[in-house]
Amino acid sequence: MRLHGPAAVSAPWLLGLLLLLLLQLRAPSSASEIPKGKQKALLRQREVVDLYNGMCLQGPAGVPGRDGSPGANGIPGTPGIPGRDGFKGEKGECLRETFEESWTPNYKQCSWSSLNYGIDLGKIAKSSFVSAGSSWPGCLRLNGRSSCCQRWYFTFNGAECSGPLPIEAIIYLDQGSPELNSTINIHRTSSVEGLCEGIGAGLVDVAIWVGTCSDYPKGDASTGWNSVSRIIIEELPK
């Protein structure tokens, strides 16, 4: 930019003029003490200073400085003011603990001394009870010259168990010696036991039977020979 007229003054000259004005200017105690002629001179000097200030151009921005080093941790603060109590909650429900009664075993035993029941088909013995399970510990015997099979099983009120399956045991006997006309005649203590589900409440007749096996001929059966036989019935909790 280029200035014309009174403003076209070199910068060194203006700087000298400003320094001279700063040395000569003295703030009066009041405007009334300065003569009018001198007041005009001061006003002219101030106009020149204002004109010089308007001529100063702002240079380009400097390079941004680098981040300083992280400062040290400050002194720990004092504990804060304790918080206030919260709002009172709603009243809860009153719950009472309940204890189930302990289960007492419920069972029944029917026993026979030397039952020695020699039927091959039919009911052997029975015992009345409300039951979910039963067992037969006693002697079972099967005899025959040729191969044969007998089946011992339980019934509940005359029907075999269907929940889930029948309670049974079998004895199979192979043929003896035809040349010597001999037979195999073994007497052994055996057990027939199991669980039956879905039996209704009330009195139940539990009986043990003997019968044939499917697809095998009948033999000479005997139950409870020369020993104690039992029907043990027990009611189980659900």
Protein backbone atom coordinates (compact mmCIF):
# COMPACT_ATOMS: atom_id res chain seq x y z
CA MET A 1 0.00 0.00 0.00
CA ARG A 2 1.26 3.54 -0.86
CA LEU A 3 0.23 6.73 0.97
CA HIS A 4 -0.09 10.25 -0.58
CA GLY A 5 -0.15 13.69 1.03
CA PRO A 6 0.79 14.33 4.65
CA ALA A 7 0.53 10.64 5.48
CA ALA A 8 3.35 9.79 3.05
CA VAL A 9 6.05 9.97 5.69
CA SER A 10 8.89 7.48 6.13
CA ALA A 11 8.63 5.09 9.07
CA PRO A 12 11.99 6.11 10.70
CA TRP A 13 10.98 9.72 10.71
CA LEU A 14 7.65 8.93 12.28
CA LEU A 15 9.32 6.78 14.94
CA GLY A 16 11.63 9.66 15.83
CA LEU A 17 8.69 12.03 15.95
CA LEU A 18 6.81 9.69 18.31
CA LEU A 19 9.76 9.40 20.66
CA LEU A 20 10.09 13.16 20.68
CA LEU A 21 6.41 13.57 21.44
CA LEU A 22 6.59 11.03 24.25
CA LEU A 23 9.46 12.96 25.87
CA GLN A 24 7.82 16.35 25.48
CA LEU A 25 4.27 15.42 26.39
CA ARG A 26 3.37 15.81 29.99
CA ALA A 27 -0.07 15.21 31.26
CA PRO A 28 -1.45 18.47 32.65
CA SER A 29 -3.48 18.52 35.83
CA SER A 30 -6.42 19.97 33.86
CA ALA A 31 -7.20 21.18 30.33
CA SER A 32 -7.63 24.73 31.58
CA GLU A 33 -3.91 25.04 32.43
CA ILE A 34 -2.78 24.42 28.77
CA PRO A 35 -2.73 27.47 26.45
CA LYS A 36 -4.96 27.27 23.42
CA GLY A 37 -2.06 27.39 20.98
CA LYS A 38 -0.38 24.53 22.73
CA GLN A 39 -3.62 22.58 22.80
CA LYS A 40 -3.79 22.73 19.00
CA ALA A 41 -0.22 21.48 18.75
CA LEU A 42 -1.01 18.56 21.02
CA LEU A 43 -4.06 17.64 19.00
CA ARG A 44 -1.92 17.68 15.86
CA GLN A 45 0.64 15.44 17.49
CA ARG A 46 -2.07 12.98 18.54
CA GLU A 47 -3.41 12.87 14.98
CA VAL A 48 0.09 11.97 13.76
CA VAL A 49 0.35 9.17 16.37
CA ASP A 50 -3.07 7.81 15.39
CA LEU A 51 -2.03 7.92 11.73
CA TYR A 52 1.14 5.92 12.50
CA ASN A 53 -0.78 3.32 14.44
CA GLY A 54 -3.09 2.86 11.47
CA MET A 55 -0.06 2.20 9.22
CA CYS A 56 1.14 -0.85 11.28
CA LEU A 57 0.50 -4.11 9.36
CA GLN A 58 -0.02 -7.44 11.17
CA GLY A 59 2.54 -10.05 10.27
CA PRO A 60 1.86 -13.79 9.56
CA ALA A 61 0.96 -16.08 12.45
CA GLY A 62 3.84 -17.80 14.18
CA VAL A 63 4.45 -21.54 14.37
CA PRO A 64 2.30 -23.16 17.10
CA GLY A 65 4.30 -24.08 20.16
CA ARG A 66 4.77 -27.64 21.44
CA ASP A 67 2.79 -29.13 24.28
CA GLY A 68 4.40 -28.71 27.63
CA SER A 69 5.47 -31.55 29.91
CA PRO A 70 2.68 -33.13 31.99
CA GLY A 71 2.37 -31.54 35.34
CA ALA A 72 2.80 -33.37 38.63
CA ASN A 73 -0.19 -34.76 40.47
CA GLY A 74 -1.89 -32.29 42.67
CA ILE A 75 -2.47 -32.59 46.38
CA PRO A 76 -5.29 -35.08 47.21
CA GLY A 77 -8.54 -33.36 47.89
CA THR A 78 -10.30 -33.42 51.20
CA PRO A 79 -13.16 -35.93 51.76
CA GLY A 80 -16.49 -34.81 50.46
CA ILE A 81 -19.59 -34.13 52.46
CA PRO A 82 -21.45 -37.35 53.48
CA GLY A 83 -24.49 -38.09 51.34
CA ARG A 84 -28.01 -37.84 52.62
CA ASP A 85 -30.18 -40.83 53.45
CA GLY A 86 -32.33 -42.12 50.60
CA PHE A 87 -36.08 -42.32 50.50
CA LYS A 88 -37.73 -44.94 52.65
CA GLY A 89 -38.66 -48.08 50.68
CA GLU A 90 -42.03 -49.75 50.51
CA LYS A 91 -42.99 -52.29 53.11
CA GLY A 92 -42.19 -55.85 51.99
CA GLU A 93 -44.47 -58.86 52.11
CA CYS A 94 -44.33 -61.21 55.05
CA LEU A 95 -43.38 -64.72 53.96
CA ARG A 96 -43.69 -67.69 56.23
CA GLU A 97 -41.42 -70.66 55.84
CA THR A 98 -43.17 -73.95 55.36
CA PHE A 99 -41.61 -77.28 56.22
CA GLU A 100 -42.85 -80.45 54.59
CA GLU A 101 -43.53 -83.31 56.91
CA SER A 102 -40.89 -85.98 56.82
CA TRP A 103 -41.86 -89.11 54.92
CA THR A 104 -42.35 -92.24 57.00
CA PRO A 105 -41.68 -95.55 55.28
CA ASN A 106 -44.83 -97.58 54.69
CA TYR A 107 -44.35 -101.27 53.97
CA LYS A 108 -45.87 -104.67 54.61
CA GLN A 109 -44.46 -108.17 54.74
CA CYS A 110 -46.36 -111.45 54.27
CA SER A 111 -44.37 -114.62 54.90
CA TRP A 112 -44.89 -118.40 54.71
CA SER A 113 -42.84 -121.22 56.20
CA SER A 114 -42.29 -124.14 53.83
CA LEU A 115 -45.01 -123.04 51.40
CA ASN A 116 -44.05 -125.87 49.06
CA TYR A 117 -46.74 -125.02 46.52
CA GLY A 118 -46.37 -127.32 43.53
CA ILE A 119 -48.79 -125.81 40.95
CA ASP A 120 -47.51 -125.11 37.48
CA LEU A 121 -50.09 -122.52 36.48
CA GLY A 122 -52.01 -120.05 38.66
CA LYS A 123 -51.88 -117.91 41.75
CA ILE A 124 -49.38 -118.90 44.42
CA ALA A 125 -49.91 -116.33 47.23
CA LYS A 126 -51.20 -112.81 47.78
CA SER A 127 -50.94 -109.86 50.19
CA SER A 128 -53.21 -106.81 50.36
CA PHE A 129 -51.63 -103.37 50.51
CA VAL A 130 -51.31 -99.94 48.83
CA SER A 131 -48.04 -100.36 46.98
CA ALA A 132 -45.75 -98.98 44.31
CA GLY A 133 -43.24 -101.81 44.50
CA SER A 134 -43.02 -105.45 45.60
CA SER A 135 -40.56 -108.30 45.80
CA TRP A 136 -40.52 -112.08 46.34
CA PRO A 137 -37.52 -113.67 48.03
CA GLY A 138 -38.04 -117.43 48.21
CA CYS A 139 -37.28 -120.79 46.72
CA LEU A 140 -38.17 -121.52 43.07
CA ARG A 141 -37.79 -124.91 41.41
CA LEU A 142 -38.24 -126.20 37.87
CA ASN A 143 -37.98 -129.86 36.82
CA GLY A 144 -38.40 -131.69 33.53
CA ARG A 145 -36.93 -134.39 31.25
CA SER A 146 -37.00 -132.06 28.21
CA SER A 147 -36.20 -128.36 27.92
CA CYS A 148 -38.84 -126.19 29.58
CA CYS A 149 -39.44 -122.70 31.01
CA GLN A 150 -41.62 -121.29 33.78
CA ARG A 151 -42.40 -117.66 34.59
CA TRP A 152 -43.15 -116.11 37.99
CA TYR A 153 -44.82 -112.68 37.98
CA PHE A 154 -46.77 -110.21 40.13
CA THR A 155 -50.29 -108.90 39.64
CA PHE A 156 -52.01 -105.88 41.19
CA ASN A 157 -55.74 -106.38 41.63
CA GLY A 158 -55.53 -109.28 39.18
CA ALA A 159 -53.65 -107.40 36.40
CA GLU A 160 -49.97 -107.31 35.62
CA CYS A 161 -48.11 -104.06 36.03
CA SER A 162 -48.18 -101.75 33.01
CA GLY A 163 -46.31 -98.80 34.48
CA PRO A 164 -43.92 -99.21 32.92
CA LEU A 165 -43.60 -103.02 32.43
CA PRO A 166 -44.51 -106.30 34.18
CA ILE A 167 -42.62 -107.49 37.26
CA GLU A 168 -41.39 -111.02 36.44
CA ALA A 169 -38.64 -113.63 36.57
CA ILE A 170 -38.12 -116.81 34.55
CA ILE A 171 -36.27 -120.11 34.97
CA TYR A 172 -35.25 -122.03 31.88
CA LEU A 173 -34.19 -125.67 32.09
CA ASP A 174 -32.46 -127.60 29.34
CA GLN A 175 -33.23 -131.30 28.77
CA GLY A 176 -31.71 -133.98 30.99
CA SER A 177 -30.15 -137.22 29.86
CA PRO A 178 -32.62 -139.34 27.79
CA GLU A 179 -30.23 -142.28 27.85
CA LEU A 180 -30.24 -142.49 31.66
CA ASN A 181 -33.85 -141.28 31.93
CA SER A 182 -32.57 -138.59 34.33
CA THR A 183 -33.79 -135.07 35.01
CA ILE A 184 -32.30 -131.85 36.32
CA ASN A 185 -33.97 -130.92 39.59
CA ILE A 186 -32.34 -127.87 41.16
CA HIS A 187 -33.99 -125.97 44.04
CA ARG A 188 -32.68 -122.43 44.52
CA THR A 189 -33.60 -119.27 46.37
CA SER A 190 -34.63 -116.63 43.86
CA SER A 191 -36.03 -113.12 43.95
CA VAL A 192 -38.75 -111.53 41.85
CA GLU A 193 -38.91 -107.76 42.41
CA GLY A 194 -39.64 -104.46 40.72
CA LEU A 195 -41.52 -101.14 40.85
CA CYS A 196 -45.00 -100.51 39.53
CA GLU A 197 -46.25 -96.98 38.89
CA GLY A 198 -49.72 -95.55 38.45
CA ILE A 199 -51.46 -97.64 41.11
CA GLY A 200 -54.49 -95.79 42.45
CA ALA A 201 -55.20 -95.10 46.11
CA GLY A 202 -56.98 -97.72 48.15
CA LEU A 203 -56.56 -101.35 49.00
CA VAL A 204 -54.61 -103.36 46.42
CA ASP A 205 -54.30 -107.14 46.24
CA VAL A 206 -50.69 -107.98 45.35
CA ALA A 207 -50.24 -111.62 44.24
CA ILE A 208 -47.47 -113.76 42.78
CA TRP A 209 -48.31 -116.18 40.00
CA VAL A 210 -46.60 -118.91 38.02
CA GLY A 211 -47.13 -119.53 34.31
CA THR A 212 -45.44 -120.52 31.11
CA CYS A 213 -42.90 -118.69 29.02
CA SER A 214 -43.85 -117.75 25.49
CA ASP A 215 -42.76 -120.27 22.81
CA TYR A 216 -41.40 -122.77 25.39
CA PRO A 217 -43.10 -125.88 26.84
CA LYS A 218 -44.29 -125.99 30.45
CA GLY A 219 -42.23 -127.79 33.07
CA ASP A 220 -42.82 -129.12 36.56
CA ALA A 221 -42.73 -126.00 38.77
CA SER A 222 -42.59 -125.75 42.56
CA THR A 223 -42.51 -122.64 44.80
CA GLY A 224 -41.35 -122.23 48.41
CA TRP A 225 -39.95 -125.73 49.02
CA ASN A 226 -38.56 -126.40 52.49
CA SER A 227 -37.81 -122.69 53.21
CA VAL A 228 -39.39 -119.38 54.20
CA SER A 229 -40.98 -117.36 51.41
CA ARG A 230 -42.03 -113.71 51.59
CA ILE A 231 -43.94 -111.04 49.73
CA ILE A 232 -42.55 -107.64 50.73
CA ILE A 233 -44.53 -104.59 49.62
CA GLU A 234 -43.40 -101.01 50.08
CA GLU A 235 -45.08 -97.72 49.23
CA LEU A 236 -42.62 -95.20 47.81
CA PRO A 237 -42.96 -91.38 47.89
CA LYS A 238 -43.63 -89.57 44.64
